[in-house]
Amino acid sequence: MDSLGTLGTLRLGLIVAFTLFGLFFSFVSMTGVLRLPDLYSRAHTASQADTLGAGFGLAAVALVIGLEGTGFKTVLLLFFIFVTNPTAAHAITRAAFEEGIVPWTEGDDRR
C-alpha cells in the first residue's frame, strides 16, 4: 500500500466506495422489484435505483481502467444508461396505462 501514494490511495478508496454504492443500489432495486405490488411501483424502483447502481458500478470501472480509450467508452456507456433507463421505464408504464392497467391502491387485493 505504501507504493500507491496519496493519489493512488484516494483512487482506490473511490473505487471501493463506488463499487459498494453500486452494489447497495442494485440490491435496493432488486428488492423493490421483488417486493412492490404493481408494475408502476416496480418500474419506479427499477428506473431510479437500478440506474444509480449501474452508474456507480460503471464509475468504478472507469476509475480502474483510467483515462484511456476504454475508460472513455465506459463513461459514454454511463451517460447512455442515465438517459435510456428512465426513458424506457417511462415508455413501459405509459404503455401499461394506455392499455388500462390500473395502479395498485391501498386495500387492493391484487398483490
C-alpha atoms as a PDB file:
ATOM      1  CA  MET A   1       0.000   0.000   0.000  1.00  0.00           C
ATOM      2  CA  ASP A   2       2.906   2.379   0.606  1.00  0.00           C
ATOM      3  CA  SER A   3       3.857   2.320  -3.058  1.00  0.00           C
ATOM      4  CA  LEU A   4       0.440   3.667  -4.120  1.00  0.00           C
ATOM      5  CA  GLY A   5       0.998   7.210  -2.901  1.00  0.00           C
ATOM      6  CA  THR A   6      -1.688   9.675  -1.916  1.00  0.00           C
ATOM      7  CA  LEU A   7      -3.378   9.827  -5.311  1.00  0.00           C
ATOM      8  CA  GLY A   8      -3.356   6.036  -5.663  1.00  0.00           C
ATOM      9  CA  THR A   9      -4.839   5.589  -2.199  1.00  0.00           C
ATOM     10  CA  LEU A  10      -7.567   8.130  -2.966  1.00  0.00           C
ATOM     11  CA  ARG A  11      -8.312   6.422  -6.278  1.00  0.00           C
ATOM     12  CA  LEU A  12      -8.506   3.015  -4.596  1.00  0.00           C
ATOM     13  CA  GLY A  13     -10.816   4.423  -1.933  1.00  0.00           C
ATOM     14  CA  LEU A  14     -13.111   5.898  -4.594  1.00  0.00           C
ATOM     15  CA  ILE A  15     -13.156   2.600  -6.485  1.00  0.00           C
ATOM     16  CA  VAL A  16     -14.170   0.711  -3.351  1.00  0.00           C
ATOM     17  CA  ALA A  17     -16.768   3.348  -2.396  1.00  0.00           C
ATOM     18  CA  PHE A  18     -18.307   3.438  -5.886  1.00  0.00           C
ATOM     19  CA  THR A  19     -18.430  -0.357  -6.009  1.00  0.00           C
ATOM     20  CA  LEU A  20     -20.152  -0.556  -2.607  1.00  0.00           C
ATOM     21  CA  PHE A  21     -22.643   2.172  -3.570  1.00  0.00           C
ATOM     22  CA  GLY A  22     -23.345   0.348  -6.838  1.00  0.00           C
ATOM     23  CA  LEU A  23     -23.954  -2.921  -5.013  1.00  0.00           C
ATOM     24  CA  PHE A  24     -26.206  -1.186  -2.484  1.00  0.00           C
ATOM     25  CA  PHE A  25     -28.405   0.499  -5.097  1.00  0.00           C
ATOM     26  CA  SER A  26     -28.568  -2.672  -7.193  1.00  0.00           C
ATOM     27  CA  PHE A  27     -29.685  -4.601  -4.120  1.00  0.00           C
ATOM     28  CA  VAL A  28     -32.327  -1.949  -3.320  1.00  0.00           C
ATOM     29  CA  SER A  29     -33.581  -2.145  -6.906  1.00  0.00           C
ATOM     30  CA  MET A  30     -33.753  -5.932  -6.827  1.00  0.00           C
ATOM     31  CA  THR A  31     -35.611  -5.882  -3.516  1.00  0.00           C
ATOM     32  CA  GLY A  32     -38.057  -3.282  -4.813  1.00  0.00           C
ATOM     33  CA  VAL A  33     -38.802  -5.218  -7.978  1.00  0.00           C
ATOM     34  CA  LEU A  34     -39.478  -8.362  -5.956  1.00  0.00           C
ATOM     35  CA  ARG A  35     -41.490  -6.752  -3.146  1.00  0.00           C
ATOM     36  CA  LEU A  36     -43.512  -3.919  -4.671  1.00  0.00           C
ATOM     37  CA  PRO A  37     -47.103  -4.685  -5.680  1.00  0.00           C
ATOM     38  CA  ASP A  38     -47.600  -3.411  -9.228  1.00  0.00           C
ATOM     39  CA  LEU A  39     -45.930  -2.522 -12.496  1.00  0.00           C
ATOM     40  CA  TYR A  40     -45.822   1.192 -11.778  1.00  0.00           C
ATOM     41  CA  SER A  41     -44.046   0.828  -8.436  1.00  0.00           C
ATOM     42  CA  ARG A  42     -41.631  -1.722  -9.851  1.00  0.00           C
ATOM     43  CA  ALA A  43     -40.813   0.479 -12.829  1.00  0.00           C
ATOM     44  CA  HIS A  44     -40.178   3.377 -10.465  1.00  0.00           C
ATOM     45  CA  THR A  45     -37.626   1.489  -8.388  1.00  0.00           C
ATOM     46  CA  ALA A  46     -36.052  -0.126 -11.423  1.00  0.00           C
ATOM     47  CA  SER A  47     -35.598   3.162 -13.235  1.00  0.00           C
ATOM     48  CA  GLN A  48     -34.111   5.037 -10.282  1.00  0.00           C
ATOM     49  CA  ALA A  49     -32.214   2.619  -8.054  1.00  0.00           C
ATOM     50  CA  ASP A  50     -31.006   0.408 -10.895  1.00  0.00           C
ATOM     51  CA  THR A  51     -29.736   3.422 -12.815  1.00  0.00           C
ATOM     52  CA  LEU A  52     -27.781   4.557  -9.768  1.00  0.00           C
ATOM     53  CA  GLY A  53     -26.422   1.048  -9.177  1.00  0.00           C
ATOM     54  CA  ALA A  54     -25.233   0.715 -12.753  1.00  0.00           C
ATOM     55  CA  GLY A  55     -23.918   4.267 -12.688  1.00  0.00           C
ATOM     56  CA  PHE A  56     -21.779   3.761  -9.611  1.00  0.00           C
ATOM     57  CA  GLY A  57     -20.577   0.399 -10.923  1.00  0.00           C
ATOM     58  CA  LEU A  58     -19.541   1.889 -14.249  1.00  0.00           C
ATOM     59  CA  ALA A  59     -17.888   4.826 -12.493  1.00  0.00           C
ATOM     60  CA  ALA A  60     -15.796   2.335 -10.502  1.00  0.00           C
ATOM     61  CA  VAL A  61     -14.864   0.510 -13.712  1.00  0.00           C
ATOM     62  CA  ALA A  62     -13.893   3.813 -15.358  1.00  0.00           C
ATOM     63  CA  LEU A  63     -11.641   4.626 -12.387  1.00  0.00           C
ATOM     64  CA  VAL A  64      -9.987   1.218 -12.584  1.00  0.00           C
ATOM     65  CA  ILE A  65      -9.344   1.487 -16.313  1.00  0.00           C
ATOM     66  CA  GLY A  66      -8.202   5.099 -16.293  1.00  0.00           C
ATOM     67  CA  LEU A  67      -8.348   7.779 -18.938  1.00  0.00           C
ATOM     68  CA  GLU A  68      -7.523   5.511 -21.846  1.00  0.00           C
ATOM     69  CA  GLY A  69      -9.888   4.776 -24.729  1.00  0.00           C
ATOM     70  CA  THR A  70     -11.775   2.054 -22.905  1.00  0.00           C
ATOM     71  CA  GLY A  71     -12.310   4.265 -19.853  1.00  0.00           C
ATOM     72  CA  PHE A  72     -13.784   6.952 -22.088  1.00  0.00           C
ATOM     73  CA  LYS A  73     -16.144   4.383 -23.620  1.00  0.00           C
ATOM     74  CA  THR A  74     -17.204   3.350 -20.115  1.00  0.00           C
ATOM     75  CA  VAL A  75     -18.107   6.954 -19.305  1.00  0.00           C
ATOM     76  CA  LEU A  76     -20.123   7.171 -22.538  1.00  0.00           C
ATOM     77  CA  LEU A  77     -21.937   3.972 -21.567  1.00  0.00           C
ATOM     78  CA  LEU A  78     -22.655   5.517 -18.171  1.00  0.00           C
ATOM     79  CA  PHE A  79     -24.329   8.540 -19.789  1.00  0.00           C
ATOM     80  CA  PHE A  80     -26.214   6.255 -22.175  1.00  0.00           C
ATOM     81  CA  ILE A  81     -27.664   4.298 -19.242  1.00  0.00           C
ATOM     82  CA  PHE A  82     -28.597   7.509 -17.424  1.00  0.00           C
ATOM     83  CA  VAL A  83     -30.656   8.580 -20.441  1.00  0.00           C
ATOM     84  CA  THR A  84     -32.157   5.307 -21.659  1.00  0.00           C
ATOM     85  CA  ASN A  85     -33.105   3.513 -18.425  1.00  0.00           C
ATOM     86  CA  PRO A  86     -35.592   6.122 -17.135  1.00  0.00           C
ATOM     87  CA  THR A  87     -36.864   6.721 -20.674  1.00  0.00           C
ATOM     88  CA  ALA A  88     -37.578   3.015 -21.173  1.00  0.00           C
ATOM     89  CA  ALA A  89     -39.317   2.760 -17.786  1.00  0.00           C
ATOM     90  CA  HIS A  90     -41.491   5.744 -18.680  1.00  0.00           C
ATOM     91  CA  ALA A  91     -42.402   4.218 -22.055  1.00  0.00           C
ATOM     92  CA  ILE A  92     -43.325   0.894 -20.435  1.00  0.00           C
ATOM     93  CA  THR A  93     -45.506   2.483 -17.743  1.00  0.00           C
ATOM     94  CA  ARG A  94     -47.182   4.797 -20.245  1.00  0.00           C
ATOM     95  CA  ALA A  95     -47.999   1.827 -22.487  1.00  0.00           C
ATOM     96  CA  ALA A  96     -49.392  -0.038 -19.477  1.00  0.00           C
ATOM     97  CA  PHE A  97     -51.539   2.951 -18.524  1.00  0.00           C
ATOM     98  CA  GLU A  98     -52.849   3.293 -22.078  1.00  0.00           C
ATOM     99  CA  GLU A  99     -53.709  -0.425 -22.074  1.00  0.00           C
ATOM    100  CA  GLY A 100     -55.866   0.145 -18.995  1.00  0.00           C
ATOM    101  CA  ILE A 101     -53.683  -1.431 -16.309  1.00  0.00           C
ATOM    102  CA  VAL A 102     -54.839   0.226 -13.112  1.00  0.00           C
ATOM    103  CA  PRO A 103     -52.267   1.242 -10.480  1.00  0.00           C
ATOM    104  CA  TRP A 104     -52.363  -0.542  -7.141  1.00  0.00           C
ATOM    105  CA  THR A 105     -54.127   1.330  -4.332  1.00  0.00           C
ATOM    106  CA  GLU A 106     -54.361   0.862  -0.564  1.00  0.00           C
ATOM    107  CA  GLY A 107     -56.657  -2.058   0.278  1.00  0.00           C
ATOM    108  CA  ASP A 108     -56.332  -3.628  -3.184  1.00  0.00           C
ATOM    109  CA  ASP A 109     -56.089  -7.437  -3.106  1.00  0.00           C
ATOM    110  CA  ARG A 110     -54.039  -7.707  -6.328  1.00  0.00           C
ATOM    111  CA  ARG A 111     -50.755  -8.003  -4.527  1.00  0.00           C
END
